[in-house]
Amino acid sequence: YEAWAEVVDAAIKRYMVRDDVKDELLLQEQNSVLD
C-alpha cells in the first residue's frame, strides 16, 4: 500500500493540470481524491 500511495501521489503531481484559482471551493475540489 505504501508503494501504491507513492505511485498515486507521483502520478497526480505529474499529470494533473491545476487551474490558478483563488476560490476556496475550487481549490478543495482540485485537492480531492476519490478512492
Full PDB file with SEQRES, HELIX, SHEET, SSBOND, CRYST1, ORIGX, SCALE, CONECT and MASTER records, all heavy atoms in Angstrom:
SEQRES   1 A   35  TYR GLU ALA TRP ALA GLU VAL VAL ASP ALA ALA ILE LYS          
SEQRES   2 A   35  ARG TYR MET VAL ARG ASP ASP VAL LYS ASP GLU LEU LEU          
SEQRES   3 A   35  LEU GLN GLU GLN ASN SER VAL LEU ASP                          
HELIX    1 AA1 GLU A    2  TYR A   15  1                                  14    
HELIX    2 AA2 GLU A   24  ASN A   31  1                                   8    
CRYST1    1.000    1.000    1.000  90.00  90.00  90.00 P 1           1          
ORIGX1      1.000000  0.000000  0.000000        0.00000                         
ORIGX2      0.000000  1.000000  0.000000        0.00000                         
ORIGX3      0.000000  0.000000  1.000000        0.00000                         
SCALE1      1.000000  0.000000  0.000000        0.00000                         
SCALE2      0.000000  1.000000  0.000000        0.00000                         
SCALE3      0.000000  0.000000  1.000000        0.00000                         
ATOM      1  N   TYR A   1       0.816  -1.214   0.000  1.00  0.00           N  
ATOM      2  CA  TYR A   1       0.000   0.000   0.000  1.00  0.00           C  
ATOM      3  C   TYR A   1       0.852   1.268   0.000  1.00  0.00           C  
ATOM      4  O   TYR A   1       0.524   2.254  -0.670  1.00  0.00           O  
ATOM      5  CB  TYR A   1      -0.928   0.017   1.215  1.00  0.00           C  
ATOM      6  CG  TYR A   1      -2.067  -0.970   1.153  1.00  0.00           C  
ATOM      7  CD1 TYR A   1      -2.129  -2.058   2.021  1.00  0.00           C  
ATOM      8  CD2 TYR A   1      -3.108  -0.813   0.226  1.00  0.00           C  
ATOM      9  CE1 TYR A   1      -3.176  -2.960   1.967  1.00  0.00           C  
ATOM     10  CE2 TYR A   1      -4.163  -1.708   0.169  1.00  0.00           C  
ATOM     11  CZ  TYR A   1      -4.197  -2.784   1.041  1.00  0.00           C  
ATOM     12  OH  TYR A   1      -5.247  -3.675   0.995  1.00  0.00           O  
ATOM     13  N   GLU A   2       1.947   1.252   0.776  1.00  0.00           N  
ATOM     14  CA  GLU A   2       2.795   2.448   0.840  1.00  0.00           C  
ATOM     15  C   GLU A   2       3.378   2.772  -0.538  1.00  0.00           C  
ATOM     16  O   GLU A   2       3.420   3.939  -0.950  1.00  0.00           O  
ATOM     17  CB  GLU A   2       3.922   2.253   1.861  1.00  0.00           C  
ATOM     18  CG  GLU A   2       3.474   2.230   3.311  1.00  0.00           C  
ATOM     19  CD  GLU A   2       2.946   0.867   3.740  1.00  0.00           C  
ATOM     20  OE1 GLU A   2       2.977  -0.073   2.906  1.00  0.00           O  
ATOM     21  OE2 GLU A   2       2.512   0.736   4.894  1.00  0.00           O  
ATOM     22  N   ALA A   3       3.811   1.737  -1.243  1.00  0.00           N  
ATOM     23  CA  ALA A   3       4.350   1.955  -2.592  1.00  0.00           C  
ATOM     24  C   ALA A   3       3.265   2.468  -3.534  1.00  0.00           C  
ATOM     25  O   ALA A   3       3.512   3.350  -4.374  1.00  0.00           O  
ATOM     26  CB  ALA A   3       4.954   0.656  -3.131  1.00  0.00           C  
ATOM     27  N   TRP A   4       2.056   1.913  -3.413  1.00  0.00           N  
ATOM     28  CA  TRP A   4       0.950   2.378  -4.242  1.00  0.00           C  
ATOM     29  C   TRP A   4       0.655   3.843  -3.978  1.00  0.00           C  
ATOM     30  O   TRP A   4       0.390   4.623  -4.904  1.00  0.00           O  
ATOM     31  CB  TRP A   4      -0.297   1.539  -3.984  1.00  0.00           C  
ATOM     32  CG  TRP A   4      -0.228   0.154  -4.538  1.00  0.00           C  
ATOM     33  CD1 TRP A   4       0.737  -0.355  -5.355  1.00  0.00           C  
ATOM     34  CD2 TRP A   4      -1.170  -0.897  -4.339  1.00  0.00           C  
ATOM     35  NE1 TRP A   4       0.460  -1.669  -5.657  1.00  0.00           N  
ATOM     36  CE2 TRP A   4      -0.697  -2.032  -5.059  1.00  0.00           C  
ATOM     37  CE3 TRP A   4      -2.342  -1.009  -3.623  1.00  0.00           C  
ATOM     38  CZ2 TRP A   4      -1.385  -3.242  -5.070  1.00  0.00           C  
ATOM     39  CZ3 TRP A   4      -3.040  -2.216  -3.634  1.00  0.00           C  
ATOM     40  CH2 TRP A   4      -2.555  -3.314  -4.351  1.00  0.00           C  
ATOM     41  N   ALA A   5       0.674   4.235  -2.699  1.00  0.00           N  
ATOM     42  CA  ALA A   5       0.403   5.634  -2.346  1.00  0.00           C  
ATOM     43  C   ALA A   5       1.435   6.553  -2.984  1.00  0.00           C  
ATOM     44  O   ALA A   5       1.103   7.648  -3.465  1.00  0.00           O  
ATOM     45  CB  ALA A   5       0.395   5.800  -0.829  1.00  0.00           C  
ATOM     46  N   GLU A   6       2.694   6.117  -3.017  1.00  0.00           N  
ATOM     47  CA  GLU A   6       3.738   6.912  -3.646  1.00  0.00           C  
ATOM     48  C   GLU A   6       3.503   7.032  -5.148  1.00  0.00           C  
ATOM     49  O   GLU A   6       3.688   8.102  -5.739  1.00  0.00           O  
ATOM     50  CB  GLU A   6       5.111   6.287  -3.386  1.00  0.00           C  
ATOM     51  CG  GLU A   6       5.553   6.305  -1.929  1.00  0.00           C  
ATOM     52  CD  GLU A   6       5.750   7.715  -1.406  1.00  0.00           C  
ATOM     53  OE1 GLU A   6       6.089   8.612  -2.207  1.00  0.00           O  
ATOM     54  OE2 GLU A   6       5.561   7.917  -0.188  1.00  0.00           O  
ATOM     55  N   VAL A   7       3.093   5.945  -5.774  1.00  0.00           N  
ATOM     56  CA  VAL A   7       2.816   5.953  -7.212  1.00  0.00           C  
ATOM     57  C   VAL A   7       1.655   6.889  -7.526  1.00  0.00           C  
ATOM     58  O   VAL A   7       1.702   7.683  -8.476  1.00  0.00           O  
ATOM     59  CB  VAL A   7       2.516   4.525  -7.714  1.00  0.00           C  
ATOM     60  CG1 VAL A   7       1.975   4.563  -9.146  1.00  0.00           C  
ATOM     61  CG2 VAL A   7       3.768   3.666  -7.655  1.00  0.00           C  
ATOM     62  N   VAL A   8       0.598   6.797  -6.728  1.00  0.00           N  
ATOM     63  CA  VAL A   8      -0.572   7.662  -6.937  1.00  0.00           C  
ATOM     64  C   VAL A   8      -0.179   9.120  -6.775  1.00  0.00           C  
ATOM     65  O   VAL A   8      -0.526   9.978  -7.601  1.00  0.00           O  
ATOM     66  CB  VAL A   8      -1.695   7.291  -5.953  1.00  0.00           C  
ATOM     67  CG1 VAL A   8      -2.816   8.327  -6.003  1.00  0.00           C  
ATOM     68  CG2 VAL A   8      -2.255   5.901  -6.271  1.00  0.00           C  
ATOM     69  N   ASP A   9       0.537   9.423  -5.710  1.00  0.00           N  
ATOM     70  CA  ASP A   9       0.955  10.797  -5.438  1.00  0.00           C  
ATOM     71  C   ASP A   9       1.809  11.333  -6.592  1.00  0.00           C  
ATOM     72  O   ASP A   9       1.616  12.468  -7.060  1.00  0.00           O  
ATOM     73  CB  ASP A   9       1.740  10.829  -4.129  1.00  0.00           C  
ATOM     74  CG  ASP A   9       2.128  12.238  -3.707  1.00  0.00           C  
ATOM     75  OD1 ASP A   9       1.285  13.153  -3.843  1.00  0.00           O  
ATOM     76  OD2 ASP A   9       3.266  12.426  -3.241  1.00  0.00           O  
ATOM     77  N   ALA A  10       2.747  10.525  -7.070  1.00  0.00           N  
ATOM     78  CA  ALA A  10       3.616  10.954  -8.170  1.00  0.00           C  
ATOM     79  C   ALA A  10       2.816  11.169  -9.454  1.00  0.00           C  
ATOM     80  O   ALA A  10       3.073  12.123 -10.209  1.00  0.00           O  
ATOM     81  CB  ALA A  10       4.714   9.920  -8.395  1.00  0.00           C  
ATOM     82  N   ALA A  11       1.843  10.300  -9.726  1.00  0.00           N  
ATOM     83  CA  ALA A  11       1.036  10.423 -10.944  1.00  0.00           C  
ATOM     84  C   ALA A  11       0.186  11.687 -10.915  1.00  0.00           C  
ATOM     85  O   ALA A  11       0.055  12.387 -11.927  1.00  0.00           O  
ATOM     86  CB  ALA A  11       0.152   9.193 -11.110  1.00  0.00           C  
ATOM     87  N   ILE A  12      -0.387  11.973  -9.749  1.00  0.00           N  
ATOM     88  CA  ILE A  12      -1.197  13.186  -9.627  1.00  0.00           C  
ATOM     89  C   ILE A  12      -0.333  14.425  -9.852  1.00  0.00           C  
ATOM     90  O   ILE A  12      -0.704  15.335 -10.594  1.00  0.00           O  
ATOM     91  CB  ILE A  12      -1.879  13.240  -8.247  1.00  0.00           C  
ATOM     92  CG1 ILE A  12      -2.947  12.137  -8.143  1.00  0.00           C  
ATOM     93  CG2 ILE A  12      -2.521  14.608  -8.006  1.00  0.00           C  
ATOM     94  CD1 ILE A  12      -3.560  11.998  -6.769  1.00  0.00           C  
ATOM     95  N   LYS A  13       0.828  14.448  -9.232  1.00  0.00           N  
ATOM     96  CA  LYS A  13       1.709  15.604  -9.387  1.00  0.00           C  
ATOM     97  C   LYS A  13       2.235  15.736 -10.820  1.00  0.00           C  
ATOM     98  O   LYS A  13       2.457  16.853 -11.310  1.00  0.00           O  
ATOM     99  CB  LYS A  13       2.874  15.484  -8.410  1.00  0.00           C  
ATOM    100  CG  LYS A  13       2.452  15.677  -6.955  1.00  0.00           C  
ATOM    101  CD  LYS A  13       3.611  15.454  -5.999  1.00  0.00           C  
ATOM    102  CE  LYS A  13       3.163  15.711  -4.559  1.00  0.00           C  
ATOM    103  NZ  LYS A  13       4.244  15.408  -3.577  1.00  0.00           N  
ATOM    104  N   ARG A  14       2.398  14.615 -11.492  1.00  0.00           N  
ATOM    105  CA  ARG A  14       2.927  14.660 -12.856  1.00  0.00           C  
ATOM    106  C   ARG A  14       1.871  15.053 -13.879  1.00  0.00           C  
ATOM    107  O   ARG A  14       2.148  15.857 -14.789  1.00  0.00           O  
ATOM    108  CB  ARG A  14       3.514  13.301 -13.226  1.00  0.00           C  
ATOM    109  CG  ARG A  14       4.038  13.246 -14.659  1.00  0.00           C  
ATOM    110  CD  ARG A  14       4.598  11.875 -14.997  1.00  0.00           C  
ATOM    111  NE  ARG A  14       5.081  11.820 -16.368  1.00  0.00           N  
ATOM    112  CZ  ARG A  14       5.551  10.727 -16.955  1.00  0.00           C  
ATOM    113  NH1 ARG A  14       5.619   9.589 -16.274  1.00  0.00           N  
ATOM    114  NH2 ARG A  14       5.963  10.758 -18.206  1.00  0.00           N  
ATOM    115  N   TYR A  15       0.655  14.504 -13.735  1.00  0.00           N  
ATOM    116  CA  TYR A  15      -0.326  14.637 -14.806  1.00  0.00           C  
ATOM    117  C   TYR A  15      -1.437  15.650 -14.538  1.00  0.00           C  
ATOM    118  O   TYR A  15      -2.071  16.121 -15.481  1.00  0.00           O  
ATOM    119  CB  TYR A  15      -0.965  13.277 -15.103  1.00  0.00           C  
ATOM    120  CG  TYR A  15      -0.043  12.331 -15.818  1.00  0.00           C  
ATOM    121  CD1 TYR A  15       0.498  11.233 -15.160  1.00  0.00           C  
ATOM    122  CD2 TYR A  15       0.299  12.538 -17.151  1.00  0.00           C  
ATOM    123  CE1 TYR A  15       1.349  10.351 -15.820  1.00  0.00           C  
ATOM    124  CE2 TYR A  15       1.154  11.670 -17.813  1.00  0.00           C  
ATOM    125  CZ  TYR A  15       1.673  10.575 -17.144  1.00  0.00           C  
ATOM    126  OH  TYR A  15       2.521   9.723 -17.795  1.00  0.00           O  
ATOM    127  N   MET A  16      -1.718  15.968 -13.288  1.00  0.00           N  
ATOM    128  CA  MET A  16      -2.832  16.872 -13.030  1.00  0.00           C  
ATOM    129  C   MET A  16      -2.489  18.287 -13.472  1.00  0.00           C  
ATOM    130  O   MET A  16      -1.419  18.811 -13.166  1.00  0.00           O  
ATOM    131  CB  MET A  16      -3.218  16.884 -11.549  1.00  0.00           C  
ATOM    132  CG  MET A  16      -4.413  17.801 -11.263  1.00  0.00           C  
ATOM    133  SD  MET A  16      -4.803  17.936  -9.508  1.00  0.00           S  
ATOM    134  CE  MET A  16      -5.440  16.289  -9.200  1.00  0.00           C  
ATOM    135  N   VAL A  17      -3.414  18.902 -14.189  1.00  0.00           N  
ATOM    136  CA  VAL A  17      -3.278  20.299 -14.597  1.00  0.00           C  
ATOM    137  C   VAL A  17      -4.131  21.129 -13.653  1.00  0.00           C  
ATOM    138  O   VAL A  17      -5.356  21.061 -13.683  1.00  0.00           O  
ATOM    139  CB  VAL A  17      -3.729  20.501 -16.058  1.00  0.00           C  
ATOM    140  CG1 VAL A  17      -3.596  21.963 -16.449  1.00  0.00           C  
ATOM    141  CG2 VAL A  17      -2.920  19.623 -16.992  1.00  0.00           C  
ATOM    142  N   ARG A  18      -3.491  21.890 -12.803  1.00  0.00           N  
ATOM    143  CA  ARG A  18      -4.207  22.688 -11.805  1.00  0.00           C  
ATOM    144  C   ARG A  18      -4.446  24.100 -12.344  1.00  0.00           C  
ATOM    145  O   ARG A  18      -3.519  24.775 -12.777  1.00  0.00           O  
ATOM    146  CB  ARG A  18      -3.417  22.761 -10.495  1.00  0.00           C  
ATOM    147  CG  ARG A  18      -3.326  21.434  -9.759  1.00  0.00           C  
ATOM    148  CD  ARG A  18      -2.577  21.603  -8.445  1.00  0.00           C  
ATOM    149  NE  ARG A  18      -2.484  20.362  -7.697  1.00  0.00           N  
ATOM    150  CZ  ARG A  18      -3.382  19.941  -6.820  1.00  0.00           C  
ATOM    151  NH1 ARG A  18      -4.453  20.691  -6.575  1.00  0.00           N  
ATOM    152  NH2 ARG A  18      -3.235  18.802  -6.182  1.00  0.00           N  
ATOM    153  N   ASP A  19      -5.689  24.533 -12.264  1.00  0.00           N  
ATOM    154  CA  ASP A  19      -6.005  25.907 -12.633  1.00  0.00           C  
ATOM    155  C   ASP A  19      -5.550  26.849 -11.530  1.00  0.00           C  
ATOM    156  O   ASP A  19      -5.593  26.515 -10.340  1.00  0.00           O  
ATOM    157  CB  ASP A  19      -7.515  26.065 -12.845  1.00  0.00           C  
ATOM    158  CG  ASP A  19      -7.991  25.337 -14.090  1.00  0.00           C  
ATOM    159  OD1 ASP A  19      -7.183  25.200 -15.020  1.00  0.00           O  
ATOM    160  OD2 ASP A  19      -9.154  24.908 -14.114  1.00  0.00           O  
ATOM    161  N   ASP A  20      -5.117  28.008 -11.916  1.00  0.00           N  
ATOM    162  CA  ASP A  20      -4.711  29.024 -10.944  1.00  0.00           C  
ATOM    163  C   ASP A  20      -5.953  29.763 -10.474  1.00  0.00           C  
ATOM    164  O   ASP A  20      -6.334  30.809 -11.011  1.00  0.00           O  
ATOM    165  CB  ASP A  20      -3.713  29.986 -11.587  1.00  0.00           C  
ATOM    166  CG  ASP A  20      -3.162  30.991 -10.576  1.00  0.00           C  
ATOM    167  OD1 ASP A  20      -3.317  30.747  -9.368  1.00  0.00           O  
ATOM    168  OD2 ASP A  20      -2.603  32.015 -11.005  1.00  0.00           O  
ATOM    169  N   VAL A  21      -6.617  29.187  -9.479  1.00  0.00           N  
ATOM    170  CA  VAL A  21      -7.863  29.774  -8.966  1.00  0.00           C  
ATOM    171  C   VAL A  21      -7.679  30.145  -7.508  1.00  0.00           C  
ATOM    172  O   VAL A  21      -6.872  29.564  -6.780  1.00  0.00           O  
ATOM    173  CB  VAL A  21      -9.051  28.795  -9.115  1.00  0.00           C  
ATOM    174  CG1 VAL A  21      -9.327  28.508 -10.577  1.00  0.00           C  
ATOM    175  CG2 VAL A  21      -8.781  27.494  -8.360  1.00  0.00           C  
ATOM    176  N   LYS A  22      -8.457  31.143  -7.083  1.00  0.00           N  
ATOM    177  CA  LYS A  22      -8.405  31.581  -5.696  1.00  0.00           C  
ATOM    178  C   LYS A  22      -9.647  31.154  -4.928  1.00  0.00           C  
ATOM    179  O   LYS A  22      -9.697  31.278  -3.711  1.00  0.00           O  
ATOM    180  CB  LYS A  22      -8.239  33.095  -5.635  1.00  0.00           C  
ATOM    181  CG  LYS A  22      -6.905  33.597  -6.181  1.00  0.00           C  
ATOM    182  CD  LYS A  22      -6.788  35.083  -6.031  1.00  0.00           C  
ATOM    183  CE  LYS A  22      -5.391  35.599  -6.365  1.00  0.00           C  
ATOM    184  NZ  LYS A  22      -4.719  34.974  -7.468  1.00  0.00           N  
ATOM    185  N   ASP A  23     -10.658  30.674  -5.647  1.00  0.00           N  
ATOM    186  CA  ASP A  23     -11.881  30.232  -4.996  1.00  0.00           C  
ATOM    187  C   ASP A  23     -11.586  29.021  -4.112  1.00  0.00           C  
ATOM    188  O   ASP A  23     -11.071  27.999  -4.583  1.00  0.00           O  
ATOM    189  CB  ASP A  23     -12.933  29.875  -6.058  1.00  0.00           C  
ATOM    190  CG  ASP A  23     -14.268  29.510  -5.446  1.00  0.00           C  
ATOM    191  OD1 ASP A  23     -14.405  28.368  -4.968  1.00  0.00           O  
ATOM    192  OD2 ASP A  23     -15.170  30.373  -5.447  1.00  0.00           O  
ATOM    193  N   GLU A  24     -11.916  29.127  -2.829  1.00  0.00           N  
ATOM    194  CA  GLU A  24     -11.582  28.073  -1.867  1.00  0.00           C  
ATOM    195  C   GLU A  24     -12.249  26.750  -2.220  1.00  0.00           C  
ATOM    196  O   GLU A  24     -11.646  25.678  -2.077  1.00  0.00           O  
ATOM    197  CB  GLU A  24     -11.999  28.508  -0.460  1.00  0.00           C  
ATOM    198  CG  GLU A  24     -11.506  27.604   0.657  1.00  0.00           C  
ATOM    199  CD  GLU A  24      -9.999  27.621   0.794  1.00  0.00           C  
ATOM    200  OE1 GLU A  24      -9.366  28.649   0.484  1.00  0.00           O  
ATOM    201  OE2 GLU A  24      -9.442  26.582   1.196  1.00  0.00           O  
ATOM    202  N   LEU A  25     -13.487  26.804  -2.695  1.00  0.00           N  
ATOM    203  CA  LEU A  25     -14.208  25.580  -3.039  1.00  0.00           C  
ATOM    204  C   LEU A  25     -13.551  24.875  -4.219  1.00  0.00           C  
ATOM    205  O   LEU A  25     -13.371  23.652  -4.210  1.00  0.00           O  
ATOM    206  CB  LEU A  25     -15.670  25.894  -3.358  1.00  0.00           C  
ATOM    207  CG  LEU A  25     -16.555  24.688  -3.719  1.00  0.00           C  
ATOM    208  CD1 LEU A  25     -16.563  23.660  -2.585  1.00  0.00           C  
ATOM    209  CD2 LEU A  25     -17.971  25.143  -4.043  1.00  0.00           C  
ATOM    210  N   LEU A  26     -13.127  25.645  -5.235  1.00  0.00           N  
ATOM    211  CA  LEU A  26     -12.474  25.040  -6.386  1.00  0.00           C  
ATOM    212  C   LEU A  26     -11.113  24.471  -6.017  1.00  0.00           C  
ATOM    213  O   LEU A  26     -10.722  23.403  -6.504  1.00  0.00           O  
ATOM    214  CB  LEU A  26     -12.334  26.074  -7.506  1.00  0.00           C  
ATOM    215  CG  LEU A  26     -13.628  26.525  -8.185  1.00  0.00           C  
ATOM    216  CD1 LEU A  26     -13.327  27.567  -9.250  1.00  0.00           C  
ATOM    217  CD2 LEU A  26     -14.382  25.346  -8.784  1.00  0.00           C  
ATOM    218  N   LEU A  27     -10.399  25.139  -5.147  1.00  0.00           N  
ATOM    219  CA  LEU A  27      -9.115  24.619  -4.678  1.00  0.00           C  
ATOM    220  C   LEU A  27      -9.295  23.299  -3.937  1.00  0.00           C  
ATOM    221  O   LEU A  27      -8.508  22.369  -4.094  1.00  0.00           O  
ATOM    222  CB  LEU A  27      -8.436  25.641  -3.765  1.00  0.00           C  
ATOM    223  CG  LEU A  27      -7.844  26.873  -4.456  1.00  0.00           C  
ATOM    224  CD1 LEU A  27      -7.384  27.899  -3.416  1.00  0.00           C  
ATOM    225  CD2 LEU A  27      -6.689  26.485  -5.360  1.00  0.00           C  
ATOM    226  N   GLN A  28     -10.360  23.218  -3.148  1.00  0.00           N  
ATOM    227  CA  GLN A  28     -10.627  21.982  -2.416  1.00  0.00           C  
ATOM    228  C   GLN A  28     -10.991  20.856  -3.367  1.00  0.00           C  
ATOM    229  O   GLN A  28     -10.567  19.710  -3.171  1.00  0.00           O  
ATOM    230  CB  GLN A  28     -11.760  22.197  -1.408  1.00  0.00           C  
ATOM    231  CG  GLN A  28     -12.036  20.977  -0.546  1.00  0.00           C  
ATOM    232  CD  GLN A  28     -13.107  21.243   0.499  1.00  0.00           C  
ATOM    233  OE1 GLN A  28     -13.643  22.337   0.609  1.00  0.00           O  
ATOM    234  NE2 GLN A  28     -13.426  20.211   1.271  1.00  0.00           N  
ATOM    235  N   GLU A  29     -11.752  21.163  -4.409  1.00  0.00           N  
ATOM    236  CA  GLU A  29     -12.114  20.147  -5.393  1.00  0.00           C  
ATOM    237  C   GLU A  29     -10.869  19.624  -6.108  1.00  0.00           C  
ATOM    238  O   GLU A  29     -10.733  18.416  -6.329  1.00  0.00           O  
ATOM    239  CB  GLU A  29     -13.122  20.708  -6.390  1.00  0.00           C  
ATOM    240  CG  GLU A  29     -14.513  20.908  -5.802  1.00  0.00           C  
ATOM    241  CD  GLU A  29     -15.530  21.317  -6.849  1.00  0.00           C  
ATOM    242  OE1 GLU A  29     -15.159  21.416  -8.036  1.00  0.00           O  
ATOM    243  OE2 GLU A  29     -16.695  21.536  -6.482  1.00  0.00           O  
ATOM    244  N   GLN A  30      -9.963  20.517  -6.459  1.00  0.00           N  
ATOM    245  CA  GLN A  30      -8.736  20.085  -7.124  1.00  0.00           C  
ATOM    246  C   GLN A  30      -7.901  19.180  -6.229  1.00  0.00           C  
ATOM    247  O   GLN A  30      -7.205  18.286  -6.713  1.00  0.00           O  
ATOM    248  CB  GLN A  30      -7.904  21.316  -7.527  1.00  0.00           C  
ATOM    249  CG  GLN A  30      -8.458  22.072  -8.707  1.00  0.00           C  
ATOM    250  CD  GLN A  30      -7.552  23.219  -9.120  1.00  0.00           C  
ATOM    251  OE1 GLN A  30      -6.690  23.650  -8.365  1.00  0.00           O  
ATOM    252  NE2 GLN A  30      -7.750  23.719 -10.325  1.00  0.00           N  
ATOM    253  N   ASN A  31      -7.963  19.394  -4.922  1.00  0.00           N  
ATOM    254  CA  ASN A  31      -7.162  18.606  -3.984  1.00  0.00           C  
ATOM    255  C   ASN A  31      -7.878  17.348  -3.516  1.00  0.00           C  
ATOM    256  O   ASN A  31      -7.317  16.555  -2.759  1.00  0.00           O  
ATOM    257  CB  ASN A  31      -6.781  19.460  -2.770  1.00  0.00           C  
ATOM    258  CG  ASN A  31      -5.694  18.832  -1.923  1.00  0.00           C  
ATOM    259  OD1 ASN A  31      -4.608  18.536  -2.421  1.00  0.00           O  
ATOM    260  ND2 ASN A  31      -5.983  18.596  -0.649  1.00  0.00           N  
ATOM    261  N   SER A  32      -9.114  17.148  -3.946  1.00  0.00           N  
ATOM    262  CA  SER A  32      -9.889  15.989  -3.509  1.00  0.00           C  
ATOM    263  C   SER A  32      -9.536  14.763  -4.348  1.00  0.00           C  
ATOM    264  O   SER A  32      -9.351  14.869  -5.563  1.00  0.00           O  
ATOM    265  CB  SER A  32     -11.393  16.265  -3.622  1.00  0.00           C  
ATOM    266  OG  SER A  32     -11.775  17.313  -2.759  1.00  0.00           O  
ATOM    267  N   VAL A  33      -9.468  13.617  -3.686  1.00  0.00           N  
ATOM    268  CA  VAL A  33      -9.189  12.353  -4.368  1.00  0.00           C  
ATOM    269  C   VAL A  33     -10.243  11.337  -3.965  1.00  0.00           C  
ATOM    270  O   VAL A  33     -10.513  11.159  -2.774  1.00  0.00           O  
ATOM    271  CB  VAL A  33      -7.784  11.819  -4.028  1.00  0.00           C  
ATOM    272  CG1 VAL A  33      -7.562  10.454  -4.674  1.00  0.00           C  
ATOM    273  CG2 VAL A  33      -6.710  12.795  -4.479  1.00  0.00           C  
ATOM    274  N   LEU A  34     -10.826  10.674  -4.947  1.00  0.00           N  
ATOM    275  CA  LEU A  34     -11.798   9.615  -4.699  1.00  0.00           C  
ATOM    276  C   LEU A  34     -11.107   8.262  -4.792  1.00  0.00           C  
ATOM    277  O   LEU A  34     -10.490   7.950  -5.815  1.00  0.00           O  
ATOM    278  CB  LEU A  34     -12.930   9.686  -5.721  1.00  0.00           C  
ATOM    279  CG  LEU A  34     -13.888   8.490  -5.771  1.00  0.00           C  
ATOM    280  CD1 LEU A  34     -14.624   8.331  -4.443  1.00  0.00           C  
ATOM    281  CD2 LEU A  34     -14.868   8.631  -6.932  1.00  0.00           C  
ATOM    282  N   ASP A  35     -11.200   7.470  -3.729  1.00  0.00           N  
ATOM    283  CA  ASP A  35     -10.708   6.096  -3.729  1.00  0.00           C  
ATOM    284  C   ASP A  35     -11.906   5.197  -4.017  1.00  0.00           C  
ATOM    285  O   ASP A  35     -12.751   4.969  -3.147  1.00  0.00           O  
ATOM    286  CB  ASP A  35     -10.075   5.772  -2.371  1.00  0.00           C  
ATOM    287  CG  ASP A  35      -9.375   4.423  -2.359  1.00  0.00           C  
ATOM    288  OD1 ASP A  35      -9.431   3.711  -3.377  1.00  0.00           O  
ATOM    289  OD2 ASP A  35      -8.775   4.072  -1.321  1.00  0.00           O  
TER     290      ASP A  35                                                      
MASTER        0    0    0    2    0    0    0    6  289    1    0    3          
END                                                                             
